[in-house]
Each structure stands twice: as C-alpha cells, then as structure tokens.
Amino acid sequence: MNTPRIALGLMLTALSAAATAAPFEMAAHGESYIGPKTLTVQIAPSAKGDKALIKILGINHPWDGKVVMADVREDPLGRTDYVVRLQGQEWVLLKNHAERGIRLSMPGAQDMSLTFQRADSLDVVPAHIGSDYERPGGAVK
C-alpha cells in the first residue's frame, strides 16, 4: 500500500497551497489604472476593503513587477489613500481624491497621474496578485 507516499503528497500539496495563498482574503474583482508611457497599476483589494495589494508594471523603477501591501484609508469626504510602510515610516503610495484624481507616489520618482481602465480591470485577478506577492522576490516588504 502507498499510504506514506499519499500522505506525503497531500502534505506537500497543502504546503504549496499555503505558500501561494494571499496574506488576507481577497475581493472577487480588482482594478487597473494606466499612467504615463507604459505604466500600469493593478489593485487587488481585500474582501473587507481595509487592505490592498498593489502591483506596479511598466516603469523603470526597482518596484517594477513587484507587489506592495497597503492599508486602505478613507476619509468622510470620500478620499482614499493607500498607505504602505517603508523602513518603519508610512508612505502614501496611491491617492484617490476626486478633486485631484488618482496619483501614484513612489520613492525616488515623480508623482504620476493615473486613469482608470474598466476593460483592463475586468482582467485583474486578485488571487494572482496575491500569489505574486507571496512569490520569492515578488513583493516590496
């Protein structure tokens, strides 16, 4: 009987699933934004809406292709900030303010305006961004 082999296979499958799981329960749908030149920003919100994973693509910056975890903070005026921790300090990575639009602010780069892309947002799979975050070298932590 192959009971030890089956048990080992089940254990490895469980470990593999745990290694690629997102750090929190993900929402079903994400968002996609474009910026200057080839910049694309994808947002994978948590199911609760209090956190988000943000993937940045198409920019000459150390964060290109990386995923950042952010706290989502909304104020009574409907403004939303996506706040990350960098070297023990808070940094507002994304600002979604109706009066000023959506802006990306990365360390060492100029602030950039972003535009929502409905069609591209339909292709964003939050679970895939969660897997990218958990992949070695896939996250800014």
C-alpha atoms as a PDB file:
ATOM      1  CA  MET A   1       0.000   0.000   0.000  1.00  0.00           C
ATOM      2  CA  ASN A   2       1.240   3.535  -0.801  1.00  0.00           C
ATOM      3  CA  THR A   3      -0.144   5.256   2.304  1.00  0.00           C
ATOM      4  CA  PRO A   4       3.120   7.063   3.223  1.00  0.00           C
ATOM      5  CA  ARG A   5       3.530   8.315  -0.355  1.00  0.00           C
ATOM      6  CA  ILE A   6      -0.087   9.530  -0.482  1.00  0.00           C
ATOM      7  CA  ALA A   7       0.280  11.254   2.902  1.00  0.00           C
ATOM      8  CA  LEU A   8       3.493  12.937   1.750  1.00  0.00           C
ATOM      9  CA  GLY A   9       1.787  14.088  -1.461  1.00  0.00           C
ATOM     10  CA  LEU A  10      -1.143  15.555   0.466  1.00  0.00           C
ATOM     11  CA  MET A  11       1.219  17.330   2.864  1.00  0.00           C
ATOM     12  CA  LEU A  12       3.260  18.823   0.013  1.00  0.00           C
ATOM     13  CA  THR A  13       0.065  19.963  -1.727  1.00  0.00           C
ATOM     14  CA  ALA A  14      -1.127  21.670   1.475  1.00  0.00           C
ATOM     15  CA  LEU A  15       2.249  23.372   1.973  1.00  0.00           C
ATOM     16  CA  SER A  16       2.300  24.523  -1.642  1.00  0.00           C
ATOM     17  CA  ALA A  17      -1.208  25.983  -1.357  1.00  0.00           C
ATOM     18  CA  ALA A  18      -0.273  27.778   1.871  1.00  0.00           C
ATOM     19  CA  ALA A  19       2.866  29.222   0.263  1.00  0.00           C
ATOM     20  CA  THR A  20       0.913  30.746  -2.625  1.00  0.00           C
ATOM     21  CA  ALA A  21      -2.052  31.982  -0.581  1.00  0.00           C
ATOM     22  CA  ALA A  22      -2.645  35.723  -0.344  1.00  0.00           C
ATOM     23  CA  PRO A  23      -1.929  37.370   3.025  1.00  0.00           C
ATOM     24  CA  PHE A  24      -5.669  38.044   3.506  1.00  0.00           C
ATOM     25  CA  GLU A  25      -8.985  37.106   1.923  1.00  0.00           C
ATOM     26  CA  MET A  26      -9.146  38.768  -1.487  1.00  0.00           C
ATOM     27  CA  ALA A  27     -12.102  40.513  -3.097  1.00  0.00           C
ATOM     28  CA  ALA A  28     -13.502  38.949  -6.247  1.00  0.00           C
ATOM     29  CA  HIS A  29     -12.595  41.883  -8.520  1.00  0.00           C
ATOM     30  CA  GLY A  30      -9.643  44.201  -8.886  1.00  0.00           C
ATOM     31  CA  GLU A  31      -8.896  47.498 -10.590  1.00  0.00           C
ATOM     32  CA  SER A  32      -6.454  48.566 -13.285  1.00  0.00           C
ATOM     33  CA  TYR A  33      -5.045  52.027 -13.985  1.00  0.00           C
ATOM     34  CA  ILE A  34      -2.661  53.363 -16.606  1.00  0.00           C
ATOM     35  CA  GLY A  35      -0.191  56.198 -16.262  1.00  0.00           C
ATOM     36  CA  PRO A  36       2.463  57.812 -18.419  1.00  0.00           C
ATOM     37  CA  LYS A  37       4.084  55.723 -21.145  1.00  0.00           C
ATOM     38  CA  THR A  38       3.828  52.021 -20.215  1.00  0.00           C
ATOM     39  CA  LEU A  39       2.933  52.364 -16.509  1.00  0.00           C
ATOM     40  CA  THR A  40       0.157  50.064 -15.299  1.00  0.00           C
ATOM     41  CA  VAL A  41      -1.041  49.802 -11.700  1.00  0.00           C
ATOM     42  CA  GLN A  42      -3.278  46.933 -10.606  1.00  0.00           C
ATOM     43  CA  ILE A  43      -5.114  46.929  -7.289  1.00  0.00           C
ATOM     44  CA  ALA A  44      -6.302  43.740  -5.591  1.00  0.00           C
ATOM     45  CA  PRO A  45      -8.432  44.773  -2.602  1.00  0.00           C
ATOM     46  CA  SER A  46      -9.126  42.636   0.423  1.00  0.00           C
ATOM     47  CA  ALA A  47     -12.647  41.299   0.889  1.00  0.00           C
ATOM     48  CA  LYS A  48     -13.057  43.685   3.846  1.00  0.00           C
ATOM     49  CA  GLY A  49     -11.731  46.644   1.846  1.00  0.00           C
ATOM     50  CA  ASP A  50      -9.242  47.653   4.545  1.00  0.00           C
ATOM     51  CA  LYS A  51      -6.125  46.404   2.723  1.00  0.00           C
ATOM     52  CA  ALA A  52      -4.970  46.044  -0.854  1.00  0.00           C
ATOM     53  CA  LEU A  53      -2.145  44.537  -2.831  1.00  0.00           C
ATOM     54  CA  ILE A  54      -0.830  46.926  -5.471  1.00  0.00           C
ATOM     55  CA  LYS A  55       1.151  45.665  -8.455  1.00  0.00           C
ATOM     56  CA  ILE A  56       3.221  48.165 -10.429  1.00  0.00           C
ATOM     57  CA  LEU A  57       4.286  47.343 -14.004  1.00  0.00           C
ATOM     58  CA  GLY A  58       5.980  49.059 -16.926  1.00  0.00           C
ATOM     59  CA  ILE A  59       8.193  51.604 -15.189  1.00  0.00           C
ATOM     60  CA  ASN A  60      11.962  51.945 -14.838  1.00  0.00           C
ATOM     61  CA  HIS A  61      11.993  51.675 -11.050  1.00  0.00           C
ATOM     62  CA  PRO A  62      13.098  48.984  -8.568  1.00  0.00           C
ATOM     63  CA  TRP A  63       9.407  48.278  -7.871  1.00  0.00           C
ATOM     64  CA  ASP A  64       8.637  47.323 -11.495  1.00  0.00           C
ATOM     65  CA  GLY A  65       6.816  43.981 -11.471  1.00  0.00           C
ATOM     66  CA  LYS A  66       6.591  43.976  -7.674  1.00  0.00           C
ATOM     67  CA  VAL A  67       3.583  43.891  -5.356  1.00  0.00           C
ATOM     68  CA  VAL A  68       3.162  46.163  -2.331  1.00  0.00           C
ATOM     69  CA  MET A  69       0.703  45.645   0.545  1.00  0.00           C
ATOM     70  CA  ALA A  70      -1.158  48.789   1.609  1.00  0.00           C
ATOM     71  CA  ASP A  71      -3.647  49.842   4.239  1.00  0.00           C
ATOM     72  CA  VAL A  72      -6.702  51.469   2.673  1.00  0.00           C
ATOM     73  CA  ARG A  73      -7.800  54.616   4.481  1.00  0.00           C
ATOM     74  CA  GLU A  74     -10.940  56.517   3.562  1.00  0.00           C
ATOM     75  CA  ASP A  75     -11.987  59.848   4.987  1.00  0.00           C
ATOM     76  CA  PRO A  76     -15.507  61.305   5.340  1.00  0.00           C
ATOM     77  CA  LEU A  77     -15.031  63.339   2.138  1.00  0.00           C
ATOM     78  CA  GLY A  78     -14.648  60.187   0.021  1.00  0.00           C
ATOM     79  CA  ARG A  79     -10.884  60.460  -0.446  1.00  0.00           C
ATOM     80  CA  THR A  80      -8.954  57.193  -0.328  1.00  0.00           C
ATOM     81  CA  ASP A  81      -5.270  56.777   0.488  1.00  0.00           C
ATOM     82  CA  TYR A  82      -3.297  53.556   0.061  1.00  0.00           C
ATOM     83  CA  VAL A  83      -0.619  53.677   2.756  1.00  0.00           C
ATOM     84  CA  VAL A  84       2.468  51.436   2.850  1.00  0.00           C
ATOM     85  CA  ARG A  85       5.206  51.047   5.443  1.00  0.00           C
ATOM     86  CA  LEU A  86       8.733  51.693   4.201  1.00  0.00           C
ATOM     87  CA  GLN A  87      11.645  51.403   6.597  1.00  0.00           C
ATOM     88  CA  GLY A  88       9.297  51.929   9.545  1.00  0.00           C
ATOM     89  CA  GLN A  89       7.650  55.032   8.077  1.00  0.00           C
ATOM     90  CA  GLU A  90       4.239  55.451   6.444  1.00  0.00           C
ATOM     91  CA  TRP A  91       4.173  56.413   2.768  1.00  0.00           C
ATOM     92  CA  VAL A  92       1.033  57.280   0.791  1.00  0.00           C
ATOM     93  CA  LEU A  93       1.581  55.250  -2.369  1.00  0.00           C
ATOM     94  CA  LEU A  94      -1.755  55.997  -4.038  1.00  0.00           C
ATOM     95  CA  LYS A  95      -4.147  58.892  -3.529  1.00  0.00           C
ATOM     96  CA  ASN A  96      -7.643  58.705  -4.954  1.00  0.00           C
ATOM     97  CA  HIS A  97      -9.062  62.186  -4.396  1.00  0.00           C
ATOM     98  CA  ALA A  98     -11.961  63.342  -6.552  1.00  0.00           C
ATOM     99  CA  GLU A  99     -10.663  66.913  -6.688  1.00  0.00           C
ATOM    100  CA  ARG A 100      -7.157  65.865  -7.842  1.00  0.00           C
ATOM    101  CA  GLY A 101      -7.707  62.464  -9.448  1.00  0.00           C
ATOM    102  CA  ILE A 102      -5.679  59.351  -8.810  1.00  0.00           C
ATOM    103  CA  ARG A 103      -1.958  59.810  -8.181  1.00  0.00           C
ATOM    104  CA  LEU A 104       0.890  57.341  -7.701  1.00  0.00           C
ATOM    105  CA  SER A 105       3.791  58.404  -5.488  1.00  0.00           C
ATOM    106  CA  MET A 106       6.792  56.049  -5.342  1.00  0.00           C
ATOM    107  CA  PRO A 107      10.066  56.748  -3.555  1.00  0.00           C
ATOM    108  CA  GLY A 108      12.626  58.255  -5.901  1.00  0.00           C
ATOM    109  CA  ALA A 109      10.091  59.001  -8.653  1.00  0.00           C
ATOM    110  CA  GLN A 110       7.878  61.941  -9.544  1.00  0.00           C
ATOM    111  CA  ASP A 111       4.168  61.704  -8.719  1.00  0.00           C
ATOM    112  CA  MET A 112       2.180  60.400 -11.672  1.00  0.00           C
ATOM    113  CA  SER A 113      -1.486  60.735 -12.611  1.00  0.00           C
ATOM    114  CA  LEU A 114      -3.373  57.517 -13.293  1.00  0.00           C
ATOM    115  CA  THR A 115      -6.520  56.816 -15.306  1.00  0.00           C
ATOM    116  CA  PHE A 116      -8.967  54.013 -14.503  1.00  0.00           C
ATOM    117  CA  GLN A 117      -9.262  51.315 -17.193  1.00  0.00           C
ATOM    118  CA  ARG A 118     -12.584  49.461 -16.965  1.00  0.00           C
ATOM    119  CA  ALA A 119     -11.832  46.833 -19.623  1.00  0.00           C
ATOM    120  CA  ASP A 120      -8.406  46.028 -18.146  1.00  0.00           C
ATOM    121  CA  SER A 121      -9.912  45.904 -14.649  1.00  0.00           C
ATOM    122  CA  LEU A 122     -12.120  43.018 -15.724  1.00  0.00           C
ATOM    123  CA  ASP A 123      -8.926  41.024 -16.415  1.00  0.00           C
ATOM    124  CA  VAL A 124      -7.353  41.667 -12.996  1.00  0.00           C
ATOM    125  CA  VAL A 125      -7.440  38.522 -10.849  1.00  0.00           C
ATOM    126  CA  PRO A 126      -6.770  39.460  -7.203  1.00  0.00           C
ATOM    127  CA  ALA A 127      -5.730  35.884  -6.324  1.00  0.00           C
ATOM    128  CA  HIS A 128      -2.974  36.037  -8.969  1.00  0.00           C
ATOM    129  CA  ILE A 129      -1.636  39.270  -7.490  1.00  0.00           C
ATOM    130  CA  GLY A 130      -1.740  37.583  -4.068  1.00  0.00           C
ATOM    131  CA  SER A 131       0.343  34.713  -5.473  1.00  0.00           C
ATOM    132  CA  ASP A 132       2.806  37.216  -6.951  1.00  0.00           C
ATOM    133  CA  TYR A 133       3.096  38.881  -3.533  1.00  0.00           C
ATOM    134  CA  GLU A 134       3.945  35.562  -1.880  1.00  0.00           C
ATOM    135  CA  ARG A 135       6.443  34.532  -4.586  1.00  0.00           C
ATOM    136  CA  PRO A 136      10.108  34.998  -3.535  1.00  0.00           C
ATOM    137  CA  GLY A 137      11.243  38.397  -4.800  1.00  0.00           C
ATOM    138  CA  GLY A 138       7.725  39.325  -5.884  1.00  0.00           C
ATOM    139  CA  ALA A 139       6.997  41.830  -3.152  1.00  0.00           C
ATOM    140  CA  VAL A 140       8.273  45.052  -1.693  1.00  0.00           C
ATOM    141  CA  LYS A 141       8.337  44.281   2.029  1.00  0.00           C
END
